Amino acid sequence: AYPDDSSMFVAPMIGVLEDSLGLDATYRPFPSLESLLGSGDVVAGDVVIAPFLRDVRSGYEEMMKGCAMIYAADPLLNNAAYQRLLSFDTPLNIIDTSDYGCAVNYPDSIHRIFKTSYSSSTEAGRCDNVTPLPYGLEYADRKVFYGSVAQYALPLLERPLLVYFQGSWNERKPSRLAMDRELNSVMPDLETLAAARGRSVVYELIDKTSSYSEYLNEDGEEMSYMELLGKAVFVLVPFGDMTVGGALWEALEYGAIPIVEGSPAYKGCQDPFGWIEAECADCLLKVRDFTTLPSVLEGLLQDEAALEGRRDALQSWYAS
């Protein structure tokens, strides 16, 4: 693992390897790709978790690495360390867990390449020779997270929250402010829709200087993130630092239906949910204009059996 096992780009993927794939992921952190490749300990078939964005060099210290990714015709040319990794003469399983991995064109090689960010583009960030992977859980304590599913995840039609979202915005998450404006303009309609079915809505977008509000359960106790997930029919999963981060997979673990943004591209990723839809058509609920969310959900709630079937199809795909 590079850069280390506690990195936000590495820890979730270690969880995928250990928890979802059942692998004995004995891992070592390395301070650099050079030290990893020069250690003499790398053998054929090893898994190397290496966020591509970590080693991008723009040539100008004042430029953000993300800028070097977005405006480069081929970001791989700005990453000498990853070039050396790809030229390593022992076949490896390389997992790029960075948020701009969808913009990178990986050449055919002896290695098997995995990405946690997807693009349908055949020019920038082609994925015909890579395998998409779930990003993994961003919740810090995986044992607590998984151990709470049975306690909190209610049957879909018994859930008291129609929609749940608590998230933040900053300059790296530009689309969230537009989403917030659109949702606030129709929030009374959304809350009326929920109340008519004995449910409520938890929606909160904060900046980095604020803290999340507390929400109490029927016993007057503050609900944890896991309890809120387990009580929600739909969980809003907007774009953030990346197109598909941990929130999507966390919602699926608790049996909720994710609502994702229907924009055709984000931060250079073309059709970011295409790999999921290719395997599970119509499983995700995509919304491009959030002012339509009340009417979209009202239509879905007309046939609760079909709604539950949609959720079950998504769960079956995720379990596979």
C-alpha atoms as a PDB file:
ATOM      1  CA  ALA A   1       0.000   0.000   0.000  1.00  0.00           C
ATOM      2  CA  TYR A   2       1.211   3.449  -0.871  1.00  0.00           C
ATOM      3  CA  PRO A   3       1.266   5.980   0.673  1.00  0.00           C
ATOM      4  CA  ASP A   4       0.188   4.240   3.899  1.00  0.00           C
ATOM      5  CA  ASP A   5      -2.598   2.127   5.348  1.00  0.00           C
ATOM      6  CA  SER A   6      -4.387   5.057   7.023  1.00  0.00           C
ATOM      7  CA  SER A   7      -4.691   7.208   3.887  1.00  0.00           C
ATOM      8  CA  MET A   8      -8.209   8.095   2.746  1.00  0.00           C
ATOM      9  CA  PHE A   9      -7.234   6.628  -0.625  1.00  0.00           C
ATOM     10  CA  VAL A  10      -5.890   3.358   0.813  1.00  0.00           C
ATOM     11  CA  ALA A  11      -7.855   2.355   3.918  1.00  0.00           C
ATOM     12  CA  PRO A  12     -11.206   1.906   2.095  1.00  0.00           C
ATOM     13  CA  MET A  13      -9.624  -0.376  -0.489  1.00  0.00           C
ATOM     14  CA  ILE A  14      -7.965  -2.520   2.169  1.00  0.00           C
ATOM     15  CA  GLY A  15     -11.448  -2.950   3.587  1.00  0.00           C
ATOM     16  CA  VAL A  16     -12.722  -4.113   0.187  1.00  0.00           C
ATOM     17  CA  LEU A  17      -9.936  -6.682  -0.075  1.00  0.00           C
ATOM     18  CA  GLU A  18     -10.422  -8.003   3.437  1.00  0.00           C
ATOM     19  CA  ASP A  19     -14.171  -7.774   3.928  1.00  0.00           C
ATOM     20  CA  SER A  20     -15.741  -8.092   0.485  1.00  0.00           C
ATOM     21  CA  LEU A  21     -13.288 -10.353  -1.320  1.00  0.00           C
ATOM     22  CA  GLY A  22     -12.290 -12.406   1.693  1.00  0.00           C
ATOM     23  CA  LEU A  23      -8.576 -11.946   1.020  1.00  0.00           C
ATOM     24  CA  ASP A  24      -5.903 -12.088   3.679  1.00  0.00           C
ATOM     25  CA  ALA A  25      -4.598  -8.647   2.868  1.00  0.00           C
ATOM     26  CA  THR A  26      -1.310  -8.548   4.741  1.00  0.00           C
ATOM     27  CA  TYR A  27      -0.109  -5.120   3.809  1.00  0.00           C
ATOM     28  CA  ARG A  28       2.874  -2.878   4.268  1.00  0.00           C
ATOM     29  CA  PRO A  29       2.896   0.878   3.922  1.00  0.00           C
ATOM     30  CA  PHE A  30       5.615   2.494   1.817  1.00  0.00           C
ATOM     31  CA  PRO A  31       6.590   6.180   1.764  1.00  0.00           C
ATOM     32  CA  SER A  32       6.999   6.195  -2.026  1.00  0.00           C
ATOM     33  CA  LEU A  33       6.533   4.039  -5.089  1.00  0.00           C
ATOM     34  CA  GLU A  34      10.307   4.042  -5.523  1.00  0.00           C
ATOM     35  CA  SER A  35      10.800   2.489  -2.087  1.00  0.00           C
ATOM     36  CA  LEU A  36       8.082  -0.070  -2.791  1.00  0.00           C
ATOM     37  CA  LEU A  37       9.585  -1.153  -6.105  1.00  0.00           C
ATOM     38  CA  GLY A  38      13.115  -1.133  -4.715  1.00  0.00           C
ATOM     39  CA  SER A  39      12.286  -3.123  -1.585  1.00  0.00           C
ATOM     40  CA  GLY A  40      12.949  -6.486  -3.190  1.00  0.00           C
ATOM     41  CA  ASP A  41       9.818  -7.821  -1.497  1.00  0.00           C
ATOM     42  CA  VAL A  42       7.402  -7.430  -4.419  1.00  0.00           C
ATOM     43  CA  VAL A  43       6.428 -10.751  -5.989  1.00  0.00           C
ATOM     44  CA  ALA A  44       4.165 -11.735  -8.875  1.00  0.00           C
ATOM     45  CA  GLY A  45       0.481 -11.340  -8.046  1.00  0.00           C
ATOM     46  CA  ASP A  46       0.950  -8.807  -5.266  1.00  0.00           C
ATOM     47  CA  VAL A  47      -1.687  -6.119  -4.905  1.00  0.00           C
ATOM     48  CA  VAL A  48      -0.298  -2.581  -5.055  1.00  0.00           C
ATOM     49  CA  ILE A  49      -2.685   0.135  -3.888  1.00  0.00           C
ATOM     50  CA  ALA A  50      -1.287   3.333  -5.363  1.00  0.00           C
ATOM     51  CA  PRO A  51      -3.368   6.536  -5.752  1.00  0.00           C
ATOM     52  CA  PHE A  52      -2.324   7.954  -9.126  1.00  0.00           C
ATOM     53  CA  LEU A  53      -2.910  11.556  -8.076  1.00  0.00           C
ATOM     54  CA  ARG A  54      -0.323  11.253  -5.301  1.00  0.00           C
ATOM     55  CA  ASP A  55       2.627  11.452  -7.704  1.00  0.00           C
ATOM     56  CA  VAL A  56       1.359  13.858 -10.348  1.00  0.00           C
ATOM     57  CA  ARG A  57       3.824  16.650 -11.000  1.00  0.00           C
ATOM     58  CA  SER A  58       2.697  19.746 -12.852  1.00  0.00           C
ATOM     59  CA  GLY A  59       6.108  21.367 -13.266  1.00  0.00           C
ATOM     60  CA  TYR A  60       4.848  24.395 -11.351  1.00  0.00           C
ATOM     61  CA  GLU A  61       4.800  24.211  -7.563  1.00  0.00           C
ATOM     62  CA  GLU A  62       1.903  26.641  -7.301  1.00  0.00           C
ATOM     63  CA  MET A  63      -0.377  24.469  -9.452  1.00  0.00           C
ATOM     64  CA  MET A  64      -2.696  22.012  -7.782  1.00  0.00           C
ATOM     65  CA  LYS A  65      -2.177  18.400  -8.755  1.00  0.00           C
ATOM     66  CA  GLY A  66      -5.780  18.281  -9.838  1.00  0.00           C
ATOM     67  CA  CYS A  67      -5.106  21.019 -12.361  1.00  0.00           C
ATOM     68  CA  ALA A  68      -2.252  19.002 -13.790  1.00  0.00           C
ATOM     69  CA  MET A  69      -4.676  16.110 -14.195  1.00  0.00           C
ATOM     70  CA  ILE A  70      -7.548  18.044 -15.726  1.00  0.00           C
ATOM     71  CA  TYR A  71      -5.577  20.045 -18.250  1.00  0.00           C
ATOM     72  CA  ALA A  72      -3.103  17.385 -19.345  1.00  0.00           C
ATOM     73  CA  ALA A  73      -3.724  15.630 -22.634  1.00  0.00           C
ATOM     74  CA  ASP A  74      -2.359  12.482 -20.999  1.00  0.00           C
ATOM     75  CA  PRO A  75      -1.944  12.700 -17.198  1.00  0.00           C
ATOM     76  CA  LEU A  76       0.369   9.700 -17.222  1.00  0.00           C
ATOM     77  CA  LEU A  77       3.044  11.933 -18.773  1.00  0.00           C
ATOM     78  CA  ASN A  78       2.999  13.986 -15.548  1.00  0.00           C
ATOM     79  CA  ASN A  79       3.597  10.969 -13.313  1.00  0.00           C
ATOM     80  CA  ALA A  80       7.079   9.489 -13.645  1.00  0.00           C
ATOM     81  CA  ALA A  81       6.621   7.300 -10.549  1.00  0.00           C
ATOM     82  CA  TYR A  82       3.565   5.575 -12.024  1.00  0.00           C
ATOM     83  CA  GLN A  83       5.402   5.127 -15.315  1.00  0.00           C
ATOM     84  CA  ARG A  84       8.070   3.185 -13.426  1.00  0.00           C
ATOM     85  CA  LEU A  85       5.380   1.146 -11.680  1.00  0.00           C
ATOM     86  CA  LEU A  86       3.796   0.197 -14.994  1.00  0.00           C
ATOM     87  CA  SER A  87       7.185  -0.793 -16.426  1.00  0.00           C
ATOM     88  CA  PHE A  88       7.973  -3.077 -13.465  1.00  0.00           C
ATOM     89  CA  ASP A  89       8.902  -6.488 -14.883  1.00  0.00           C
ATOM     90  CA  THR A  90       6.838  -8.567 -12.447  1.00  0.00           C
ATOM     91  CA  PRO A  91       3.073  -8.871 -13.056  1.00  0.00           C
ATOM     92  CA  LEU A  92       1.113  -7.064 -10.357  1.00  0.00           C
ATOM     93  CA  ASN A  93      -2.466  -6.180  -9.473  1.00  0.00           C
ATOM     94  CA  ILE A  94      -2.398  -2.368  -9.447  1.00  0.00           C
ATOM     95  CA  ILE A  95      -5.320  -0.478  -7.906  1.00  0.00           C
ATOM     96  CA  ASP A  96      -5.608   3.236  -8.640  1.00  0.00           C
ATOM     97  CA  THR A  97      -7.825   4.643  -5.885  1.00  0.00           C
ATOM     98  CA  SER A  98      -7.477   8.342  -6.674  1.00  0.00           C
ATOM     99  CA  ASP A  99     -10.452  10.481  -7.628  1.00  0.00           C
ATOM    100  CA  TYR A 100      -9.048  11.536 -11.012  1.00  0.00           C
ATOM    101  CA  GLY A 101      -8.050   8.035 -12.099  1.00  0.00           C
ATOM    102  CA  CYS A 102     -10.838   8.172 -14.658  1.00  0.00           C
ATOM    103  CA  ALA A 103      -8.754  10.635 -16.693  1.00  0.00           C
ATOM    104  CA  VAL A 104      -5.738   8.333 -17.036  1.00  0.00           C
ATOM    105  CA  ASN A 105      -5.091   6.136 -20.070  1.00  0.00           C
ATOM    106  CA  TYR A 106      -3.281   3.041 -18.889  1.00  0.00           C
ATOM    107  CA  PRO A 107      -1.333   1.210 -21.581  1.00  0.00           C
ATOM    108  CA  ASP A 108      -1.685  -2.510 -22.102  1.00  0.00           C
ATOM    109  CA  SER A 109       0.900  -4.224 -19.925  1.00  0.00           C
ATOM    110  CA  ILE A 110       1.668  -7.392 -17.988  1.00  0.00           C
ATOM    111  CA  HIS A 111      -0.184  -5.922 -15.024  1.00  0.00           C
ATOM    112  CA  ARG A 112      -3.846  -6.101 -14.166  1.00  0.00           C
ATOM    113  CA  ILE A 113      -5.148  -2.558 -13.562  1.00  0.00           C
ATOM    114  CA  PHE A 114      -8.130  -1.630 -11.401  1.00  0.00           C
ATOM    115  CA  LYS A 115      -9.763   1.795 -10.981  1.00  0.00           C
ATOM    116  CA  THR A 116     -12.200   3.109  -8.402  1.00  0.00           C
ATOM    117  CA  SER A 117     -13.263   5.936 -10.736  1.00  0.00           C
ATOM    118  CA  TYR A 118     -14.779   5.152 -14.114  1.00  0.00           C
ATOM    119  CA  SER A 119     -15.120   6.917 -17.457  1.00  0.00           C
ATOM    120  CA  SER A 120     -16.810   5.671 -20.598  1.00  0.00           C
ATOM    121  CA  SER A 121     -14.539   7.822 -22.762  1.00  0.00           C
ATOM    122  CA  THR A 122     -12.452   5.989 -25.347  1.00  0.00           C
ATOM    123  CA  GLU A 123     -10.003   8.889 -25.509  1.00  0.00           C
ATOM    124  CA  ALA A 124      -9.366  10.336 -22.043  1.00  0.00           C
ATOM    125  CA  GLY A 125      -9.374   7.710 -19.318  1.00  0.00           C
ATOM    126  CA  ARG A 126     -10.397   4.719 -21.394  1.00  0.00           C
ATOM    127  CA  CYS A 127     -11.447   1.723 -19.305  1.00  0.00           C
ATOM    128  CA  ASP A 128     -11.447  -1.053 -21.898  1.00  0.00           C
ATOM    129  CA  ASN A 129      -8.256  -2.526 -20.419  1.00  0.00           C
ATOM    130  CA  VAL A 130      -8.994  -1.906 -16.728  1.00  0.00           C
ATOM    131  CA  THR A 131     -11.472  -3.318 -14.214  1.00  0.00           C
ATOM    132  CA  PRO A 132     -13.701  -0.991 -12.130  1.00  0.00           C
ATOM    133  CA  LEU A 133     -13.822  -1.623  -8.376  1.00  0.00           C
ATOM    134  CA  PRO A 134     -15.941  -0.206  -5.535  1.00  0.00           C
ATOM    135  CA  TYR A 135     -14.052   2.464  -3.627  1.00  0.00           C
ATOM    136  CA  GLY A 136     -14.909   0.963  -0.246  1.00  0.00           C
ATOM    137  CA  LEU A 137     -16.134   2.339   3.064  1.00  0.00           C
ATOM    138  CA  GLU A 138     -14.979   5.744   4.255  1.00  0.00           C
ATOM    139  CA  TYR A 139     -16.453   5.185   7.722  1.00  0.00           C
ATOM    140  CA  ALA A 140     -13.442   4.789   9.988  1.00  0.00           C
ATOM    141  CA  ASP A 141     -14.403   1.749  12.083  1.00  0.00           C
ATOM    142  CA  ARG A 142     -15.359  -1.074   9.712  1.00  0.00           C
ATOM    143  CA  LYS A 143     -16.172  -3.525  12.498  1.00  0.00           C
ATOM    144  CA  VAL A 144     -18.667  -1.126  14.047  1.00  0.00           C
ATOM    145  CA  PHE A 145     -20.126  -0.288  10.637  1.00  0.00           C
ATOM    146  CA  TYR A 146     -20.678  -3.887   9.547  1.00  0.00           C
ATOM    147  CA  GLY A 147     -21.644  -4.984  13.041  1.00  0.00           C
ATOM    148  CA  SER A 148     -24.520  -2.489  13.151  1.00  0.00           C
ATOM    149  CA  VAL A 149     -26.285  -3.600   9.958  1.00  0.00           C
ATOM    150  CA  ALA A 150     -28.455  -6.240  11.642  1.00  0.00           C
ATOM    151  CA  GLN A 151     -29.398  -3.811  14.400  1.00  0.00           C
ATOM    152  CA  TYR A 152     -30.354  -0.805  12.298  1.00  0.00           C
ATOM    153  CA  ALA A 153     -31.199  -1.852   8.727  1.00  0.00           C
ATOM    154  CA  LEU A 154     -35.006  -2.070   8.662  1.00  0.00           C
ATOM    155  CA  PRO A 155     -37.088  -3.651   5.882  1.00  0.00           C
ATOM    156  CA  LEU A 156     -37.321  -1.082   3.107  1.00  0.00           C
ATOM    157  CA  LEU A 157     -41.039  -0.347   3.386  1.00  0.00           C
ATOM    158  CA  GLU A 158     -40.844   0.046   7.181  1.00  0.00           C
ATOM    159  CA  ARG A 159     -38.227   2.792   7.090  1.00  0.00           C
ATOM    160  CA  PRO A 160     -39.304   6.112   8.641  1.00  0.00           C
ATOM    161  CA  LEU A 161     -36.985   8.355   6.577  1.00  0.00           C
ATOM    162  CA  LEU A 162     -37.883   8.962   2.962  1.00  0.00           C
ATOM    163  CA  VAL A 163     -34.588  10.687   2.098  1.00  0.00           C
ATOM    164  CA  TYR A 164     -31.373  11.006   4.085  1.00  0.00           C
ATOM    165  CA  PHE A 165     -28.324  13.158   3.423  1.00  0.00           C
ATOM    166  CA  GLN A 166     -25.729  14.806   5.617  1.00  0.00           C
ATOM    167  CA  GLY A 167     -22.706  16.138   3.802  1.00  0.00           C
ATOM    168  CA  SER A 168     -20.379  19.051   3.335  1.00  0.00           C
ATOM    169  CA  TRP A 169     -19.321  21.340   0.539  1.00  0.00           C
ATOM    170  CA  ASN A 170     -16.090  23.130  -0.319  1.00  0.00           C
ATOM    171  CA  GLU A 171     -14.260  24.294  -3.417  1.00  0.00           C
ATOM    172  CA  ARG A 172     -13.560  20.675  -4.399  1.00  0.00           C
ATOM    173  CA  LYS A 173     -17.282  19.850  -4.496  1.00  0.00           C
ATOM    174  CA  PRO A 174     -18.717  22.499  -6.827  1.00  0.00           C
ATOM    175  CA  SER A 175     -21.926  20.767  -7.866  1.00  0.00           C
ATOM    176  CA  ARG A 176     -23.229  20.441  -4.308  1.00  0.00           C
ATOM    177  CA  LEU A 177     -24.175  24.113  -4.053  1.00  0.00           C
ATOM    178  CA  ALA A 178     -26.311  23.840  -7.189  1.00  0.00           C
ATOM    179  CA  MET A 179     -27.928  20.709  -5.758  1.00  0.00           C
ATOM    180  CA  ASP A 180     -28.583  22.537  -2.493  1.00  0.00           C
ATOM    181  CA  ARG A 181     -30.292  25.462  -4.238  1.00  0.00           C
ATOM    182  CA  GLU A 182     -32.501  23.142  -6.261  1.00  0.00           C
ATOM    183  CA  LEU A 183     -33.451  20.952  -3.307  1.00  0.00           C
ATOM    184  CA  ASN A 184     -34.210  23.861  -0.990  1.00  0.00           C
ATOM    185  CA  SER A 185     -36.590  25.270  -3.581  1.00  0.00           C
ATOM    186  CA  VAL A 186     -38.693  22.081  -3.439  1.00  0.00           C
ATOM    187  CA  MET A 187     -38.024  20.961   0.137  1.00  0.00           C
ATOM    188  CA  PRO A 188     -41.599  21.771   1.281  1.00  0.00           C
ATOM    189  CA  ASP A 189     -42.934  19.488  -1.464  1.00  0.00           C
ATOM    190  CA  LEU A 190     -40.494  16.737  -0.510  1.00  0.00           C
ATOM    191  CA  GLU A 191     -41.398  16.973   3.176  1.00  0.00           C
ATOM    192  CA  THR A 192     -45.122  16.938   2.341  1.00  0.00           C
ATOM    193  CA  LEU A 193     -44.624  13.821   0.232  1.00  0.00           C
ATOM    194  CA  ALA A 194     -42.790  12.128   3.087  1.00  0.00           C
ATOM    195  CA  ALA A 195     -45.335  13.173   5.736  1.00  0.00           C
ATOM    196  CA  ALA A 196     -48.211  11.825   3.668  1.00  0.00           C
ATOM    197  CA  ARG A 197     -46.620   8.401   4.039  1.00  0.00           C
ATOM    198  CA  GLY A 198     -45.695   8.748   7.710  1.00  0.00           C
ATOM    199  CA  ARG A 199     -42.059   9.506   6.953  1.00  0.00           C
ATOM    200  CA  SER A 200     -39.684  12.441   7.282  1.00  0.00           C
ATOM    201  CA  VAL A 201     -36.657  13.912   5.512  1.00  0.00           C
ATOM    202  CA  VAL A 202     -33.165  14.487   6.903  1.00  0.00           C
ATOM    203  CA  TYR A 203     -31.186  16.804   4.643  1.00  0.00           C
ATOM    204  CA  GLU A 204     -28.207  18.875   5.715  1.00  0.00           C
ATOM    205  CA  LEU A 205     -25.386  20.451   3.718  1.00  0.00           C
ATOM    206  CA  ILE A 206     -22.765  22.246   5.803  1.00  0.00           C
ATOM    207  CA  ASP A 207     -19.488  24.051   5.209  1.00  0.00           C
ATOM    208  CA  LYS A 208     -16.204  23.113   6.843  1.00  0.00           C
ATOM    209  CA  THR A 209     -16.740  25.510   9.740  1.00  0.00           C
ATOM    210  CA  SER A 210     -20.029  23.919  10.850  1.00  0.00           C
ATOM    211  CA  SER A 211     -21.091  20.729  12.593  1.00  0.00           C
ATOM    212  CA  TYR A 212     -23.924  18.357  11.773  1.00  0.00           C
ATOM    213  CA  SER A 213     -27.181  18.565  13.667  1.00  0.00           C
ATOM    214  CA  GLU A 214     -28.311  15.800  15.985  1.00  0.00           C
ATOM    215  CA  TYR A 215     -31.360  13.723  15.076  1.00  0.00           C
ATOM    216  CA  LEU A 216     -33.164  11.718  17.741  1.00  0.00           C
ATOM    217  CA  ASN A 217     -34.834   8.339  17.402  1.00  0.00           C
ATOM    218  CA  GLU A 218     -38.127   7.286  18.964  1.00  0.00           C
ATOM    219  CA  ASP A 219     -36.357   6.690  22.290  1.00  0.00           C
ATOM    220  CA  GLY A 220     -35.004  10.234  22.364  1.00  0.00           C
ATOM    221  CA  GLU A 221     -31.449   9.078  21.647  1.00  0.00           C
ATOM    222  CA  GLU A 222     -29.150  10.641  19.091  1.00  0.00           C
ATOM    223  CA  MET A 223     -29.021   8.512  15.946  1.00  0.00           C
ATOM    224  CA  SER A 224     -25.683   7.392  14.608  1.00  0.00           C
ATOM    225  CA  TYR A 225     -24.768   7.509  10.941  1.00  0.00           C
ATOM    226  CA  MET A 226     -25.515   3.781  10.721  1.00  0.00           C
ATOM    227  CA  GLU A 227     -28.964   4.149  12.269  1.00  0.00           C
ATOM    228  CA  LEU A 228     -29.834   6.951   9.857  1.00  0.00           C
ATOM    229  CA  LEU A 229     -28.723   4.831   6.886  1.00  0.00           C
ATOM    230  CA  GLY A 230     -30.727   1.859   8.123  1.00  0.00           C
ATOM    231  CA  LYS A 231     -33.889   3.927   8.499  1.00  0.00           C
ATOM    232  CA  ALA A 232     -33.738   5.631   5.085  1.00  0.00           C
ATOM    233  CA  VAL A 233     -35.517   4.451   1.953  1.00  0.00           C
ATOM    234  CA  PHE A 234     -33.355   6.695  -0.239  1.00  0.00           C
ATOM    235  CA  VAL A 235     -29.883   8.050   0.494  1.00  0.00           C
ATOM    236  CA  LEU A 236     -28.658  11.028  -1.487  1.00  0.00           C
ATOM    237  CA  VAL A 237     -25.151  10.414  -2.859  1.00  0.00           C
ATOM    238  CA  PRO A 238     -24.095  13.553  -4.764  1.00  0.00           C
ATOM    239  CA  PHE A 239     -20.762  14.120  -6.442  1.00  0.00           C
ATOM    240  CA  GLY A 240     -18.035  15.286  -4.079  1.00  0.00           C
ATOM    241  CA  ASP A 241     -14.271  14.977  -4.153  1.00  0.00           C
ATOM    242  CA  MET A 242     -14.834  12.137  -6.573  1.00  0.00           C
ATOM    243  CA  THR A 243     -17.742  10.812  -8.591  1.00  0.00           C
ATOM    244  CA  VAL A 244     -18.261   7.636  -6.584  1.00  0.00           C
ATOM    245  CA  GLY A 245     -16.801   7.683  -3.077  1.00  0.00           C
ATOM    246  CA  GLY A 246     -17.567   5.621  -0.009  1.00  0.00           C
ATOM    247  CA  ALA A 247     -21.098   6.945   0.586  1.00  0.00           C
ATOM    248  CA  LEU A 248     -22.589   4.913  -2.265  1.00  0.00           C
ATOM    249  CA  TRP A 249     -21.286   1.621  -0.902  1.00  0.00           C
ATOM    250  CA  GLU A 250     -22.203   2.555   2.664  1.00  0.00           C
ATOM    251  CA  ALA A 251     -25.810   3.151   1.574  1.00  0.00           C
ATOM    252  CA  LEU A 252     -25.883  -0.227  -0.177  1.00  0.00           C
ATOM    253  CA  GLU A 253     -24.557  -2.026   2.885  1.00  0.00           C
ATOM    254  CA  TYR A 254     -27.590  -0.761   4.829  1.00  0.00           C
ATOM    255  CA  GLY A 255     -30.100  -1.633   2.116  1.00  0.00           C
ATOM    256  CA  ALA A 256     -30.994   1.905   1.030  1.00  0.00           C
ATOM    257  CA  ILE A 257     -31.535   3.042  -2.561  1.00  0.00           C
ATOM    258  CA  PRO A 258     -28.872   5.573  -3.594  1.00  0.00           C
ATOM    259  CA  ILE A 259     -29.905   8.733  -5.426  1.00  0.00           C
ATOM    260  CA  VAL A 260     -27.010   9.807  -7.645  1.00  0.00           C
ATOM    261  CA  GLU A 261     -26.441  12.762  -9.935  1.00  0.00           C
ATOM    262  CA  GLY A 262     -27.433  12.185 -13.532  1.00  0.00           C
ATOM    263  CA  SER A 263     -24.927  14.581 -15.083  1.00  0.00           C
ATOM    264  CA  PRO A 264     -23.126  13.033 -18.063  1.00  0.00           C
ATOM    265  CA  ALA A 265     -19.694  13.935 -16.683  1.00  0.00           C
ATOM    266  CA  TYR A 266     -17.920  15.182 -13.552  1.00  0.00           C
ATOM    267  CA  LYS A 267     -14.317  16.342 -13.193  1.00  0.00           C
ATOM    268  CA  GLY A 268     -13.414  14.735 -16.497  1.00  0.00           C
ATOM    269  CA  CYS A 269     -15.154  11.428 -15.783  1.00  0.00           C
ATOM    270  CA  GLN A 270     -17.548  10.612 -18.617  1.00  0.00           C
ATOM    271  CA  ASP A 271     -20.667   8.621 -17.661  1.00  0.00           C
ATOM    272  CA  PRO A 272     -19.221   7.831 -14.203  1.00  0.00           C
ATOM    273  CA  PHE A 273     -21.888   5.265 -13.312  1.00  0.00           C
ATOM    274  CA  GLY A 274     -21.736   3.495 -16.654  1.00  0.00           C
ATOM    275  CA  TRP A 275     -19.948   0.423 -15.340  1.00  0.00           C
ATOM    276  CA  ILE A 276     -22.637  -0.131 -12.696  1.00  0.00           C
ATOM    277  CA  GLU A 277     -25.508   0.419 -15.134  1.00  0.00           C
ATOM    278  CA  ALA A 278     -23.955  -1.964 -17.656  1.00  0.00           C
ATOM    279  CA  GLU A 279     -24.245  -4.742 -15.075  1.00  0.00           C
ATOM    280  CA  CYS A 280     -27.379  -3.577 -13.253  1.00  0.00           C
ATOM    281  CA  ALA A 281     -29.601  -1.548 -15.552  1.00  0.00           C
ATOM    282  CA  ASP A 282     -32.006   0.879 -13.819  1.00  0.00           C
ATOM    283  CA  CYS A 283     -30.718  -0.047 -10.360  1.00  0.00           C
ATOM    284  CA  LEU A 284     -29.421   3.409  -9.466  1.00  0.00           C
ATOM    285  CA  LEU A 285     -31.823   6.323  -9.221  1.00  0.00           C
ATOM    286  CA  LYS A 286     -30.243   9.083 -11.316  1.00  0.00           C
ATOM    287  CA  VAL A 287     -31.518  12.660 -10.955  1.00  0.00           C
ATOM    288  CA  ARG A 288     -30.066  15.483 -13.017  1.00  0.00           C
ATOM    289  CA  ASP A 289     -32.390  18.261 -11.898  1.00  0.00           C
ATOM    290  CA  PHE A 290     -33.100  18.028  -8.178  1.00  0.00           C
ATOM    291  CA  THR A 291     -36.173  20.227  -8.449  1.00  0.00           C
ATOM    292  CA  THR A 292     -37.811  17.133  -9.969  1.00  0.00           C
ATOM    293  CA  LEU A 293     -36.991  14.901  -6.995  1.00  0.00           C
ATOM    294  CA  PRO A 294     -40.424  15.142  -5.284  1.00  0.00           C
ATOM    295  CA  SER A 295     -42.265  14.152  -8.461  1.00  0.00           C
ATOM    296  CA  VAL A 296     -39.757  11.381  -9.237  1.00  0.00           C
ATOM    297  CA  LEU A 297     -40.109   9.864  -5.775  1.00  0.00           C
ATOM    298  CA  GLU A 298     -43.892  10.254  -5.818  1.00  0.00           C
ATOM    299  CA  GLY A 299     -44.001   8.184  -8.995  1.00  0.00           C
ATOM    300  CA  LEU A 300     -41.803   5.466  -7.516  1.00  0.00           C
ATOM    301  CA  LEU A 301     -43.846   5.285  -4.318  1.00  0.00           C
ATOM    302  CA  GLN A 302     -46.982   4.488  -6.305  1.00  0.00           C
ATOM    303  CA  ASP A 303     -45.714   0.915  -6.705  1.00  0.00           C
ATOM    304  CA  GLU A 304     -43.910  -0.126  -3.549  1.00  0.00           C
ATOM    305  CA  ALA A 305     -43.437  -3.709  -4.744  1.00  0.00           C
ATOM    306  CA  ALA A 306     -41.571  -2.465  -7.820  1.00  0.00           C
ATOM    307  CA  LEU A 307     -39.534  -0.132  -5.631  1.00  0.00           C
ATOM    308  CA  GLU A 308     -38.527  -3.002  -3.391  1.00  0.00           C
ATOM    309  CA  GLY A 309     -37.694  -5.075  -6.461  1.00  0.00           C
ATOM    310  CA  ARG A 310     -35.429  -2.311  -7.703  1.00  0.00           C
ATOM    311  CA  ARG A 311     -33.603  -2.248  -4.392  1.00  0.00           C
ATOM    312  CA  ASP A 312     -33.299  -6.053  -4.358  1.00  0.00           C
ATOM    313  CA  ALA A 313     -31.791  -6.062  -7.858  1.00  0.00           C
ATOM    314  CA  LEU A 314     -29.180  -3.548  -6.753  1.00  0.00           C
ATOM    315  CA  GLN A 315     -28.410  -5.564  -3.630  1.00  0.00           C
ATOM    316  CA  SER A 316     -28.006  -8.747  -5.686  1.00  0.00           C
ATOM    317  CA  TRP A 317     -25.599  -6.982  -8.034  1.00  0.00           C
ATOM    318  CA  TYR A 318     -23.596  -5.595  -5.123  1.00  0.00           C
ATOM    319  CA  ALA A 319     -23.397  -8.977  -3.414  1.00  0.00           C
ATOM    320  CA  SER A 320     -22.076 -10.566  -6.587  1.00  0.00           C
END
